[in-house]
Amino acid sequence: MEIVTFAVNEAICIGAIGFDAVKQIALARIERRPARLDLAAYPHLPKMDVKTTRAADYAALVPQTSQELAA
């Protein structure tokens, strides 16, 4: 479990969130080698720009505001 946790954290740090990235990082850690995460061979894949979710973004998912609940 320690290796998976490391792989997930490393993938998040480098912005390569996805199952394949985590898997490659975990395997590289087990085999004591650098992870091969070069996407140059996949130019057809779209570049992702994922932003951090703000707490205010969740307000759109809640049909009632806290003031309506208090009444």
PDB file of N, CA and C in Angstrom:
ATOM      1  N   MET A   1       0.822  -1.188   0.000  1.00  0.00           N
ATOM      2  CA  MET A   1       0.000   0.000   0.000  1.00  0.00           C
ATOM      3  C   MET A   1       0.870   1.257   0.000  1.00  0.00           C
ATOM      4  N   GLU A   2       2.037   1.185   0.613  1.00  0.00           N
ATOM      5  CA  GLU A   2       2.945   2.328   0.659  1.00  0.00           C
ATOM      6  C   GLU A   2       3.385   2.739  -0.744  1.00  0.00           C
ATOM      7  N   ILE A   3       3.623   1.764  -1.598  1.00  0.00           N
ATOM      8  CA  ILE A   3       4.057   2.057  -2.967  1.00  0.00           C
ATOM      9  C   ILE A   3       2.941   2.734  -3.748  1.00  0.00           C
ATOM     10  N   VAL A   4       1.717   2.270  -3.578  1.00  0.00           N
ATOM     11  CA  VAL A   4       0.575   2.869  -4.278  1.00  0.00           C
ATOM     12  C   VAL A   4       0.367   4.300  -3.799  1.00  0.00           C
ATOM     13  N   THR A   5       0.456   4.519  -2.502  1.00  0.00           N
ATOM     14  CA  THR A   5       0.305   5.870  -1.954  1.00  0.00           C
ATOM     15  C   THR A   5       1.372   6.793  -2.516  1.00  0.00           C
ATOM     16  N   PHE A   6       2.609   6.316  -2.551  1.00  0.00           N
ATOM     17  CA  PHE A   6       3.691   7.108  -3.132  1.00  0.00           C
ATOM     18  C   PHE A   6       3.399   7.422  -4.590  1.00  0.00           C
ATOM     19  N   ALA A   7       2.960   6.414  -5.350  1.00  0.00           N
ATOM     20  CA  ALA A   7       2.704   6.597  -6.778  1.00  0.00           C
ATOM     21  C   ALA A   7       1.587   7.605  -7.021  1.00  0.00           C
ATOM     22  N   VAL A   8       0.536   7.534  -6.238  1.00  0.00           N
ATOM     23  CA  VAL A   8      -0.578   8.483  -6.385  1.00  0.00           C
ATOM     24  C   VAL A   8      -0.100   9.898  -6.069  1.00  0.00           C
ATOM     25  N   ASN A   9       0.613  10.064  -4.975  1.00  0.00           N
ATOM     26  CA  ASN A   9       1.118  11.388  -4.602  1.00  0.00           C
ATOM     27  C   ASN A   9       2.074  11.939  -5.653  1.00  0.00           C
ATOM     28  N   GLU A  10       2.941  11.104  -6.167  1.00  0.00           N
ATOM     29  CA  GLU A  10       3.893  11.527  -7.194  1.00  0.00           C
ATOM     30  C   GLU A  10       3.166  11.926  -8.473  1.00  0.00           C
ATOM     31  N   ALA A  11       2.165  11.141  -8.871  1.00  0.00           N
ATOM     32  CA  ALA A  11       1.389  11.461 -10.076  1.00  0.00           C
ATOM     33  C   ALA A  11       0.681  12.802  -9.923  1.00  0.00           C
ATOM     34  N   ILE A  12       0.120  13.053  -8.756  1.00  0.00           N
ATOM     35  CA  ILE A  12      -0.551  14.334  -8.510  1.00  0.00           C
ATOM     36  C   ILE A  12       0.455  15.480  -8.573  1.00  0.00           C
ATOM     37  N   CYS A  13       1.619  15.290  -7.981  1.00  0.00           N
ATOM     38  CA  CYS A  13       2.643  16.344  -7.973  1.00  0.00           C
ATOM     39  C   CYS A  13       3.106  16.718  -9.373  1.00  0.00           C
ATOM     40  N   ILE A  14       3.217  15.750 -10.257  1.00  0.00           N
ATOM     41  CA  ILE A  14       3.693  16.048 -11.609  1.00  0.00           C
ATOM     42  C   ILE A  14       2.554  16.308 -12.580  1.00  0.00           C
ATOM     43  N   GLY A  15       1.321  16.253 -12.099  1.00  0.00           N
ATOM     44  CA  GLY A  15       0.173  16.557 -12.949  1.00  0.00           C
ATOM     45  C   GLY A  15      -0.201  15.446 -13.901  1.00  0.00           C
ATOM     46  N   ALA A  16       0.207  14.232 -13.607  1.00  0.00           N
ATOM     47  CA  ALA A  16      -0.089  13.085 -14.469  1.00  0.00           C
ATOM     48  C   ALA A  16      -1.094  12.182 -13.778  1.00  0.00           C
ATOM     49  N   ILE A  17      -2.274  12.726 -13.511  1.00  0.00           N
ATOM     50  CA  ILE A  17      -3.268  11.940 -12.792  1.00  0.00           C
ATOM     51  C   ILE A  17      -3.957  10.985 -13.751  1.00  0.00           C
ATOM     52  N   GLY A  18      -3.952   9.741 -13.432  1.00  0.00           N
ATOM     53  CA  GLY A  18      -4.564   8.708 -14.251  1.00  0.00           C
ATOM     54  C   GLY A  18      -4.024   7.354 -13.837  1.00  0.00           C
ATOM     55  N   PHE A  19      -4.808   6.327 -14.134  1.00  0.00           N
ATOM     56  CA  PHE A  19      -4.428   4.976 -13.730  1.00  0.00           C
ATOM     57  C   PHE A  19      -3.081   4.570 -14.310  1.00  0.00           C
ATOM     58  N   ASP A  20      -2.882   4.841 -15.609  1.00  0.00           N
ATOM     59  CA  ASP A  20      -1.637   4.414 -16.254  1.00  0.00           C
ATOM     60  C   ASP A  20      -0.414   5.095 -15.651  1.00  0.00           C
ATOM     61  N   ALA A  21      -0.531   6.373 -15.328  1.00  0.00           N
ATOM     62  CA  ALA A  21       0.597   7.087 -14.724  1.00  0.00           C
ATOM     63  C   ALA A  21       0.926   6.510 -13.356  1.00  0.00           C
ATOM     64  N   VAL A  22      -0.104   6.282 -12.550  1.00  0.00           N
ATOM     65  CA  VAL A  22       0.111   5.714 -11.213  1.00  0.00           C
ATOM     66  C   VAL A  22       0.737   4.329 -11.334  1.00  0.00           C
ATOM     67  N   LYS A  23       0.243   3.546 -12.278  1.00  0.00           N
ATOM     68  CA  LYS A  23       0.778   2.196 -12.481  1.00  0.00           C
ATOM     69  C   LYS A  23       2.253   2.244 -12.886  1.00  0.00           C
ATOM     70  N   GLN A  24       2.600   3.128 -13.822  1.00  0.00           N
ATOM     71  CA  GLN A  24       3.990   3.234 -14.270  1.00  0.00           C
ATOM     72  C   GLN A  24       4.911   3.697 -13.139  1.00  0.00           C
ATOM     73  N   ILE A  25       4.439   4.646 -12.341  1.00  0.00           N
ATOM     74  CA  ILE A  25       5.250   5.136 -11.220  1.00  0.00           C
ATOM     75  C   ILE A  25       5.438   4.036 -10.181  1.00  0.00           C
ATOM     76  N   ALA A  26       4.375   3.292  -9.884  1.00  0.00           N
ATOM     77  CA  ALA A  26       4.473   2.203  -8.903  1.00  0.00           C
ATOM     78  C   ALA A  26       5.419   1.108  -9.394  1.00  0.00           C
ATOM     79  N   LEU A  27       5.282   0.717 -10.656  1.00  0.00           N
ATOM     80  CA  LEU A  27       6.171  -0.319 -11.206  1.00  0.00           C
ATOM     81  C   LEU A  27       7.621   0.144 -11.206  1.00  0.00           C
ATOM     82  N   ALA A  28       7.839   1.401 -11.553  1.00  0.00           N
ATOM     83  CA  ALA A  28       9.201   1.930 -11.564  1.00  0.00           C
ATOM     84  C   ALA A  28       9.796   1.922 -10.159  1.00  0.00           C
ATOM     85  N   ARG A  29       8.979   2.231  -9.180  1.00  0.00           N
ATOM     86  CA  ARG A  29       9.461   2.226  -7.783  1.00  0.00           C
ATOM     87  C   ARG A  29       9.833   0.808  -7.354  1.00  0.00           C
ATOM     88  N   ILE A  30       8.997  -0.170  -7.709  1.00  0.00           N
ATOM     89  CA  ILE A  30       9.277  -1.569  -7.360  1.00  0.00           C
ATOM     90  C   ILE A  30      10.559  -2.042  -8.030  1.00  0.00           C
ATOM     91  N   GLU A  31      10.722  -1.663  -9.313  1.00  0.00           N
ATOM     92  CA  GLU A  31      11.888  -2.092 -10.087  1.00  0.00           C
ATOM     93  C   GLU A  31      13.096  -1.178  -9.883  1.00  0.00           C
ATOM     94  N   ARG A  32      12.962  -0.159  -9.046  1.00  0.00           N
ATOM     95  CA  ARG A  32      14.042   0.787  -8.732  1.00  0.00           C
ATOM     96  C   ARG A  32      14.640   1.411  -9.988  1.00  0.00           C
ATOM     97  N   ARG A  33      13.747   1.983 -10.793  1.00  0.00           N
ATOM     98  CA  ARG A  33      14.158   2.664 -12.018  1.00  0.00           C
ATOM     99  C   ARG A  33      13.292   3.907 -12.186  1.00  0.00           C
ATOM    100  N   PRO A  34      13.701   4.837 -13.038  1.00  0.00           N
ATOM    101  CA  PRO A  34      12.865   6.020 -13.279  1.00  0.00           C
ATOM    102  C   PRO A  34      11.599   5.643 -14.046  1.00  0.00           C
ATOM    103  N   ALA A  35      10.525   6.332 -13.753  1.00  0.00           N
ATOM    104  CA  ALA A  35       9.260   6.078 -14.462  1.00  0.00           C
ATOM    105  C   ALA A  35       9.342   6.657 -15.871  1.00  0.00           C
ATOM    106  N   ARG A  36       8.772   5.937 -16.833  1.00  0.00           N
ATOM    107  CA  ARG A  36       8.733   6.407 -18.222  1.00  0.00           C
ATOM    108  C   ARG A  36       7.349   6.990 -18.492  1.00  0.00           C
ATOM    109  N   LEU A  37       7.254   8.303 -18.405  1.00  0.00           N
ATOM    110  CA  LEU A  37       5.961   8.968 -18.558  1.00  0.00           C
ATOM    111  C   LEU A  37       5.963   9.950 -19.728  1.00  0.00           C
ATOM    112  N   ASP A  38       6.745   9.689 -20.749  1.00  0.00           N
ATOM    113  CA  ASP A  38       6.842  10.572 -21.907  1.00  0.00           C
ATOM    114  C   ASP A  38       5.630  10.387 -22.815  1.00  0.00           C
ATOM    115  N   LEU A  39       4.863  11.454 -23.006  1.00  0.00           N
ATOM    116  CA  LEU A  39       3.680  11.389 -23.867  1.00  0.00           C
ATOM    117  C   LEU A  39       3.964  11.871 -25.285  1.00  0.00           C
ATOM    118  N   ALA A  40       5.224  12.052 -25.644  1.00  0.00           N
ATOM    119  CA  ALA A  40       5.574  12.515 -26.988  1.00  0.00           C
ATOM    120  C   ALA A  40       5.089  11.543 -28.060  1.00  0.00           C
ATOM    121  N   ALA A  41       4.979  10.280 -27.726  1.00  0.00           N
ATOM    122  CA  ALA A  41       4.517   9.277 -28.686  1.00  0.00           C
ATOM    123  C   ALA A  41       3.001   9.305 -28.861  1.00  0.00           C
ATOM    124  N   TYR A  42       2.311  10.142 -28.079  1.00  0.00           N
ATOM    125  CA  TYR A  42       0.851  10.216 -28.136  1.00  0.00           C
ATOM    126  C   TYR A  42       0.383  11.649 -28.415  1.00  0.00           C
ATOM    127  N   PRO A  43       0.745  12.212 -29.573  1.00  0.00           N
ATOM    128  CA  PRO A  43       0.370  13.610 -29.847  1.00  0.00           C
ATOM    129  C   PRO A  43      -1.132  13.808 -30.026  1.00  0.00           C
ATOM    130  N   HIS A  44      -1.869  12.737 -30.277  1.00  0.00           N
ATOM    131  CA  HIS A  44      -3.315  12.842 -30.480  1.00  0.00           C
ATOM    132  C   HIS A  44      -4.082  13.039 -29.172  1.00  0.00           C
ATOM    133  N   LEU A  45      -3.434  12.791 -28.036  1.00  0.00           N
ATOM    134  CA  LEU A  45      -4.104  12.974 -26.747  1.00  0.00           C
ATOM    135  C   LEU A  45      -4.207  14.457 -26.420  1.00  0.00           C
ATOM    136  N   PRO A  46      -5.377  14.901 -25.980  1.00  0.00           N
ATOM    137  CA  PRO A  46      -5.516  16.322 -25.638  1.00  0.00           C
ATOM    138  C   PRO A  46      -4.757  16.660 -24.359  1.00  0.00           C
ATOM    139  N   LYS A  47      -4.234  17.873 -24.325  1.00  0.00           N
ATOM    140  CA  LYS A  47      -3.546  18.335 -23.116  1.00  0.00           C
ATOM    141  C   LYS A  47      -4.602  18.767 -22.106  1.00  0.00           C
ATOM    142  N   MET A  48      -4.466  18.290 -20.889  1.00  0.00           N
ATOM    143  CA  MET A  48      -5.452  18.561 -19.848  1.00  0.00           C
ATOM    144  C   MET A  48      -4.995  19.721 -18.968  1.00  0.00           C
ATOM    145  N   ASP A  49      -5.940  20.520 -18.552  1.00  0.00           N
ATOM    146  CA  ASP A  49      -5.686  21.599 -17.605  1.00  0.00           C
ATOM    147  C   ASP A  49      -6.714  21.467 -16.493  1.00  0.00           C
ATOM    148  N   VAL A  50      -6.337  20.822 -15.415  1.00  0.00           N
ATOM    149  CA  VAL A  50      -7.251  20.558 -14.306  1.00  0.00           C
ATOM    150  C   VAL A  50      -6.949  21.539 -13.186  1.00  0.00           C
ATOM    151  N   LYS A  51      -7.972  22.256 -12.776  1.00  0.00           N
ATOM    152  CA  LYS A  51      -7.804  23.236 -11.708  1.00  0.00           C
ATOM    153  C   LYS A  51      -8.309  22.659 -10.390  1.00  0.00           C
ATOM    154  N   THR A  52      -7.842  23.229  -9.305  1.00  0.00           N
ATOM    155  CA  THR A  52      -8.291  22.826  -7.978  1.00  0.00           C
ATOM    156  C   THR A  52      -9.717  23.310  -7.759  1.00  0.00           C
ATOM    157  N   THR A  53     -10.542  22.457  -7.210  1.00  0.00           N
ATOM    158  CA  THR A  53     -11.928  22.818  -6.932  1.00  0.00           C
ATOM    159  C   THR A  53     -11.985  23.753  -5.733  1.00  0.00           C
ATOM    160  N   ARG A  54     -12.753  24.825  -5.879  1.00  0.00           N
ATOM    161  CA  ARG A  54     -12.972  25.758  -4.773  1.00  0.00           C
ATOM    162  C   ARG A  54     -14.225  25.328  -4.026  1.00  0.00           C
ATOM    163  N   ALA A  55     -14.279  25.611  -2.742  1.00  0.00           N
ATOM    164  CA  ALA A  55     -15.449  25.244  -1.937  1.00  0.00           C
ATOM    165  C   ALA A  55     -16.716  25.887  -2.489  1.00  0.00           C
ATOM    166  N   ALA A  56     -16.606  27.089  -3.017  1.00  0.00           N
ATOM    167  CA  ALA A  56     -17.769  27.790  -3.569  1.00  0.00           C
ATOM    168  C   ALA A  56     -18.341  27.070  -4.794  1.00  0.00           C
ATOM    169  N   ASP A  57     -17.539  26.290  -5.487  1.00  0.00           N
ATOM    170  CA  ASP A  57     -18.016  25.556  -6.664  1.00  0.00           C
ATOM    171  C   ASP A  57     -19.093  24.539  -6.300  1.00  0.00           C
ATOM    172  N   TYR A  58     -19.056  24.040  -5.080  1.00  0.00           N
ATOM    173  CA  TYR A  58     -20.037  23.048  -4.661  1.00  0.00           C
ATOM    174  C   TYR A  58     -21.416  23.655  -4.424  1.00  0.00           C
ATOM    175  N   ALA A  59     -21.491  24.964  -4.270  1.00  0.00           N
ATOM    176  CA  ALA A  59     -22.778  25.628  -4.044  1.00  0.00           C
ATOM    177  C   ALA A  59     -23.729  25.393  -5.212  1.00  0.00           C
ATOM    178  N   ALA A  60     -23.190  25.248  -6.408  1.00  0.00           N
ATOM    179  CA  ALA A  60     -24.030  25.001  -7.584  1.00  0.00           C
ATOM    180  C   ALA A  60     -24.703  23.637  -7.514  1.00  0.00           C
ATOM    181  N   LEU A  61     -24.171  22.730  -6.734  1.00  0.00           N
ATOM    182  CA  LEU A  61     -24.734  21.387  -6.629  1.00  0.00           C
ATOM    183  C   LEU A  61     -25.827  21.284  -5.575  1.00  0.00           C
ATOM    184  N   VAL A  62     -25.881  22.261  -4.688  1.00  0.00           N
ATOM    185  CA  VAL A  62     -26.845  22.241  -3.587  1.00  0.00           C
ATOM    186  C   VAL A  62     -28.045  23.099  -3.971  1.00  0.00           C
ATOM    187  N   PRO A  63     -29.260  22.513  -3.995  1.00  0.00           N
ATOM    188  CA  PRO A  63     -30.425  23.273  -4.436  1.00  0.00           C
ATOM    189  C   PRO A  63     -30.855  24.369  -3.468  1.00  0.00           C
ATOM    190  N   GLN A  64     -30.541  24.237  -2.178  1.00  0.00           N
ATOM    191  CA  GLN A  64     -30.944  25.227  -1.185  1.00  0.00           C
ATOM    192  C   GLN A  64     -29.717  25.870  -0.560  1.00  0.00           C
ATOM    193  N   THR A  65     -29.858  27.134  -0.208  1.00  0.00           N
ATOM    194  CA  THR A  65     -28.763  27.804   0.495  1.00  0.00           C
ATOM    195  C   THR A  65     -28.927  27.599   1.991  1.00  0.00           C
ATOM    196  N   SER A  66     -27.914  27.910   2.744  1.00  0.00           N
ATOM    197  CA  SER A  66     -27.976  27.719   4.195  1.00  0.00           C
ATOM    198  C   SER A  66     -29.016  28.640   4.831  1.00  0.00           C
ATOM    199  N   GLN A  67     -29.278  29.819   4.242  1.00  0.00           N
ATOM    200  CA  GLN A  67     -30.290  30.728   4.782  1.00  0.00           C
ATOM    201  C   GLN A  67     -31.684  30.126   4.643  1.00  0.00           C
ATOM    202  N   GLU A  68     -31.950  29.443   3.540  1.00  0.00           N
ATOM    203  CA  GLU A  68     -33.253  28.805   3.345  1.00  0.00           C
ATOM    204  C   GLU A  68     -33.448  27.658   4.324  1.00  0.00           C
ATOM    205  N   LEU A  69     -32.383  26.965   4.659  1.00  0.00           N
ATOM    206  CA  LEU A  69     -32.475  25.848   5.601  1.00  0.00           C
ATOM    207  C   LEU A  69     -32.737  26.348   7.018  1.00  0.00           C
ATOM    208  N   ALA A  70     -32.223  27.531   7.359  1.00  0.00           N
ATOM    209  CA  ALA A  70     -32.395  28.071   8.702  1.00  0.00           C
ATOM    210  C   ALA A  70     -33.821  28.568   8.932  1.00  0.00           C
ATOM    211  N   ALA A  71     -34.524  28.913   7.869  1.00  0.00           N
ATOM    212  CA  ALA A  71     -35.885  29.467   8.012  1.00  0.00           C
ATOM    213  C   ALA A  71     -36.921  28.419   8.315  1.00  0.00           C
TER     214      ALA A  71
END
